[in-house]
């Protein structure tokens, strides 16, 4: 399962997730985090793939797996319904 997640972060395979702006600009925090690629927001195949990522996340939680989902706190807060400060 970890190998599947590694492919999510690889620009050579899917390009579903992209490095967060901090990584792109060399800022010191969250350089190892990834965001959904906004260019794929309207692509039906990409939306199905994002849904699959969500299912992987749910499976990981349910089975107590420690899978490496490299998302910044902004994404986790949104998933939990918490307010994101700007």
N, C-alpha and C. Protein backbone atom coordinates (compact mmCIF):
# COMPACT_ATOMS: atom_id res chain seq x y z
N UNK A 1 0.82 -1.19 0.00
CA UNK A 1 0.00 0.00 0.00
C UNK A 1 0.87 1.26 0.00
N UNK A 2 1.98 1.20 0.71
CA UNK A 2 2.86 2.37 0.73
C UNK A 2 3.37 2.68 -0.67
N UNK A 3 3.60 1.66 -1.46
CA UNK A 3 4.08 1.86 -2.85
C UNK A 3 3.02 2.57 -3.68
N UNK A 4 1.77 2.25 -3.48
CA UNK A 4 0.69 2.94 -4.19
C UNK A 4 0.71 4.42 -3.85
N UNK A 5 0.90 4.73 -2.57
CA UNK A 5 0.94 6.13 -2.16
C UNK A 5 2.17 6.85 -2.69
N UNK A 6 3.29 6.16 -2.77
CA UNK A 6 4.48 6.77 -3.35
C UNK A 6 4.22 7.21 -4.79
N UNK A 7 3.47 6.41 -5.52
CA UNK A 7 3.14 6.77 -6.91
C UNK A 7 2.26 8.01 -6.98
N UNK A 8 1.45 8.24 -5.95
CA UNK A 8 0.61 9.44 -5.93
C UNK A 8 1.45 10.71 -5.94
N UNK A 9 2.59 10.65 -5.28
CA UNK A 9 3.44 11.83 -5.14
C UNK A 9 4.48 11.97 -6.24
N UNK A 10 4.53 11.02 -7.12
CA UNK A 10 5.54 11.03 -8.17
C UNK A 10 5.03 11.83 -9.39
N UNK A 11 5.78 12.86 -9.82
CA UNK A 11 5.35 13.62 -10.99
C UNK A 11 5.44 12.82 -12.29
N UNK A 12 6.18 11.71 -12.28
CA UNK A 12 6.32 10.90 -13.49
C UNK A 12 5.12 10.00 -13.73
N UNK A 13 4.30 9.76 -12.69
CA UNK A 13 3.22 8.79 -12.86
C UNK A 13 1.86 9.45 -13.04
N UNK A 14 1.36 10.13 -12.04
CA UNK A 14 -0.03 10.59 -12.09
C UNK A 14 -0.19 12.10 -12.20
N UNK A 15 0.64 12.85 -11.53
CA UNK A 15 0.52 14.30 -11.45
C UNK A 15 -0.80 14.71 -10.80
N UNK A 16 -1.37 13.79 -9.99
CA UNK A 16 -2.61 14.06 -9.28
C UNK A 16 -2.37 15.02 -8.13
N UNK A 17 -1.23 14.85 -7.47
CA UNK A 17 -0.83 15.71 -6.36
C UNK A 17 0.44 16.45 -6.75
N UNK A 18 0.51 17.71 -6.37
CA UNK A 18 1.68 18.52 -6.69
C UNK A 18 2.31 19.03 -5.40
N UNK A 19 3.60 19.32 -5.41
CA UNK A 19 4.23 19.88 -4.21
C UNK A 19 3.55 21.19 -3.81
N UNK A 20 3.44 21.39 -2.50
CA UNK A 20 2.80 22.62 -2.03
C UNK A 20 3.69 23.82 -2.40
N UNK A 21 3.13 25.01 -2.41
CA UNK A 21 3.90 26.19 -2.81
C UNK A 21 5.18 26.40 -2.00
N UNK A 22 5.17 26.03 -0.73
CA UNK A 22 6.40 26.18 0.06
C UNK A 22 7.54 25.38 -0.53
N UNK A 23 7.25 24.18 -1.00
CA UNK A 23 8.30 23.35 -1.62
C UNK A 23 8.74 23.95 -2.95
N UNK A 24 7.80 24.51 -3.69
CA UNK A 24 8.12 25.09 -4.99
C UNK A 24 8.99 26.33 -4.85
N UNK A 25 8.81 27.06 -3.73
CA UNK A 25 9.55 28.32 -3.55
C UNK A 25 10.67 28.21 -2.53
N UNK A 26 10.90 27.01 -2.01
CA UNK A 26 12.02 26.81 -1.09
C UNK A 26 11.82 27.38 0.29
N UNK A 27 10.57 27.53 0.74
CA UNK A 27 10.31 28.02 2.10
C UNK A 27 10.52 26.88 3.09
N UNK A 28 10.82 27.20 4.34
CA UNK A 28 11.29 26.17 5.27
C UNK A 28 10.25 25.18 5.80
N UNK A 29 8.96 25.48 5.75
CA UNK A 29 7.97 24.55 6.31
C UNK A 29 7.14 23.89 5.22
N UNK A 30 6.69 22.71 5.50
CA UNK A 30 5.82 21.94 4.60
C UNK A 30 6.44 21.65 3.24
N UNK A 31 7.75 21.57 3.17
CA UNK A 31 8.38 21.31 1.87
C UNK A 31 8.17 19.87 1.40
N UNK A 32 7.75 19.00 2.31
CA UNK A 32 7.52 17.60 1.95
C UNK A 32 6.02 17.29 1.79
N UNK A 33 5.20 18.32 1.70
CA UNK A 33 3.74 18.15 1.61
C UNK A 33 3.25 18.36 0.19
N UNK A 34 2.06 17.79 -0.09
CA UNK A 34 1.48 17.85 -1.43
C UNK A 34 0.04 18.31 -1.38
N UNK A 35 -0.40 18.94 -2.45
CA UNK A 35 -1.77 19.42 -2.60
C UNK A 35 -2.39 18.80 -3.85
N UNK A 36 -3.72 18.70 -3.89
CA UNK A 36 -4.36 18.26 -5.13
C UNK A 36 -4.04 19.23 -6.27
N UNK A 37 -3.81 18.70 -7.43
CA UNK A 37 -3.50 19.52 -8.59
C UNK A 37 -4.77 20.25 -9.05
N UNK A 38 -4.82 21.59 -8.95
CA UNK A 38 -6.04 22.32 -9.30
C UNK A 38 -6.38 22.24 -10.79
N UNK A 39 -5.41 21.93 -11.63
CA UNK A 39 -5.69 21.82 -13.06
C UNK A 39 -6.55 20.61 -13.38
N UNK A 40 -6.64 19.68 -12.44
CA UNK A 40 -7.41 18.46 -12.67
C UNK A 40 -8.79 18.51 -12.02
N UNK A 41 -9.19 19.67 -11.51
CA UNK A 41 -10.44 19.78 -10.76
C UNK A 41 -11.68 19.45 -11.57
N UNK A 42 -11.63 19.59 -12.87
CA UNK A 42 -12.81 19.31 -13.69
C UNK A 42 -12.69 18.03 -14.50
N UNK A 43 -11.61 17.33 -14.37
CA UNK A 43 -11.38 16.10 -15.13
C UNK A 43 -12.09 14.93 -14.43
N UNK A 44 -13.05 14.29 -15.10
CA UNK A 44 -13.78 13.19 -14.47
C UNK A 44 -12.88 12.05 -13.98
N UNK A 45 -11.87 11.69 -14.74
CA UNK A 45 -10.96 10.63 -14.32
C UNK A 45 -10.21 11.03 -13.06
N UNK A 46 -9.74 12.28 -13.01
CA UNK A 46 -9.01 12.75 -11.83
C UNK A 46 -9.92 12.75 -10.60
N UNK A 47 -11.18 13.14 -10.78
CA UNK A 47 -12.11 13.14 -9.65
C UNK A 47 -12.32 11.72 -9.12
N UNK A 48 -12.38 10.75 -10.00
CA UNK A 48 -12.48 9.36 -9.57
C UNK A 48 -11.22 8.94 -8.82
N UNK A 49 -10.08 9.42 -9.28
CA UNK A 49 -8.82 9.08 -8.62
C UNK A 49 -8.74 9.73 -7.24
N UNK A 50 -9.22 10.97 -7.12
CA UNK A 50 -9.26 11.62 -5.80
C UNK A 50 -10.19 10.86 -4.86
N UNK A 51 -11.29 10.36 -5.40
CA UNK A 51 -12.21 9.55 -4.59
C UNK A 51 -11.50 8.29 -4.11
N UNK A 52 -10.70 7.69 -4.98
CA UNK A 52 -9.93 6.51 -4.59
C UNK A 52 -8.94 6.85 -3.48
N UNK A 53 -8.31 8.01 -3.56
CA UNK A 53 -7.38 8.44 -2.50
C UNK A 53 -8.14 8.54 -1.18
N UNK A 54 -9.35 9.09 -1.23
CA UNK A 54 -10.18 9.18 -0.03
C UNK A 54 -10.50 7.81 0.54
N UNK A 55 -10.77 6.85 -0.33
CA UNK A 55 -11.03 5.48 0.13
C UNK A 55 -9.79 4.87 0.75
N UNK A 56 -8.62 5.16 0.18
CA UNK A 56 -7.37 4.68 0.79
C UNK A 56 -7.18 5.27 2.18
N UNK A 57 -7.52 6.55 2.32
CA UNK A 57 -7.40 7.19 3.62
C UNK A 57 -8.33 6.52 4.63
N UNK A 58 -9.57 6.27 4.22
CA UNK A 58 -10.52 5.61 5.11
C UNK A 58 -10.06 4.21 5.49
N UNK A 59 -9.56 3.47 4.51
CA UNK A 59 -9.07 2.12 4.77
C UNK A 59 -7.89 2.16 5.73
N UNK A 60 -7.03 3.14 5.56
CA UNK A 60 -5.87 3.29 6.42
C UNK A 60 -6.30 3.52 7.87
N UNK A 61 -7.29 4.38 8.06
CA UNK A 61 -7.78 4.65 9.41
C UNK A 61 -8.46 3.43 10.01
N UNK A 62 -9.30 2.79 9.22
CA UNK A 62 -10.06 1.64 9.73
C UNK A 62 -9.15 0.47 10.11
N UNK A 63 -8.09 0.26 9.36
CA UNK A 63 -7.19 -0.87 9.60
C UNK A 63 -5.99 -0.50 10.47
N UNK A 64 -5.97 0.73 10.99
CA UNK A 64 -4.85 1.22 11.81
C UNK A 64 -3.52 1.10 11.09
N UNK A 65 -3.52 1.40 9.80
CA UNK A 65 -2.29 1.42 9.03
C UNK A 65 -1.68 2.81 9.13
N UNK A 66 -0.40 2.86 9.11
CA UNK A 66 0.30 4.15 9.16
C UNK A 66 0.80 4.46 7.75
N UNK A 67 -0.13 4.84 6.87
CA UNK A 67 0.25 5.14 5.50
C UNK A 67 0.66 6.60 5.37
N UNK A 68 1.64 6.87 4.53
CA UNK A 68 2.19 8.23 4.43
C UNK A 68 1.37 9.17 3.53
N UNK A 69 0.34 9.77 4.10
CA UNK A 69 -0.41 10.80 3.37
C UNK A 69 0.26 12.14 3.68
N UNK A 70 0.98 12.67 2.71
CA UNK A 70 1.78 13.88 2.92
C UNK A 70 0.98 15.13 2.53
N UNK A 71 -0.01 15.46 3.35
CA UNK A 71 -0.81 16.66 3.11
C UNK A 71 -0.50 17.70 4.16
N UNK A 72 -0.52 18.99 3.80
CA UNK A 72 -0.32 20.03 4.81
C UNK A 72 -1.55 20.14 5.71
N UNK A 73 -1.39 20.84 6.82
CA UNK A 73 -2.49 20.97 7.78
C UNK A 73 -3.73 21.60 7.14
N UNK A 74 -3.55 22.43 6.13
CA UNK A 74 -4.68 23.04 5.43
C UNK A 74 -5.64 21.97 4.91
N UNK A 75 -5.13 20.92 4.33
CA UNK A 75 -5.95 19.83 3.79
C UNK A 75 -6.61 19.04 4.92
N UNK A 76 -5.84 18.71 5.94
CA UNK A 76 -6.40 17.93 7.05
C UNK A 76 -7.51 18.70 7.75
N UNK A 77 -7.31 20.00 7.95
CA UNK A 77 -8.36 20.81 8.60
C UNK A 77 -9.63 20.82 7.77
N UNK A 78 -9.50 20.98 6.46
CA UNK A 78 -10.67 20.97 5.59
C UNK A 78 -11.40 19.63 5.64
N UNK A 79 -10.64 18.54 5.65
CA UNK A 79 -11.24 17.21 5.71
C UNK A 79 -12.02 16.99 7.01
N UNK A 80 -11.54 17.59 8.09
CA UNK A 80 -12.19 17.45 9.39
C UNK A 80 -13.27 18.49 9.62
N UNK A 81 -13.43 19.42 8.67
CA UNK A 81 -14.46 20.45 8.81
C UNK A 81 -14.06 21.59 9.72
N UNK A 82 -12.78 21.72 10.02
CA UNK A 82 -12.30 22.82 10.86
C UNK A 82 -12.11 24.08 10.01
N UNK A 83 -12.17 25.20 10.68
CA UNK A 83 -11.98 26.48 9.99
C UNK A 83 -10.52 26.64 9.59
N UNK A 84 -10.31 27.12 8.39
CA UNK A 84 -8.96 27.38 7.90
C UNK A 84 -8.77 28.89 7.89
N UNK A 85 -7.80 29.35 8.66
CA UNK A 85 -7.53 30.78 8.74
C UNK A 85 -6.72 31.22 7.54
N UNK A 86 -6.99 32.38 7.05
CA UNK A 86 -6.24 32.92 5.92
C UNK A 86 -5.26 33.94 6.36
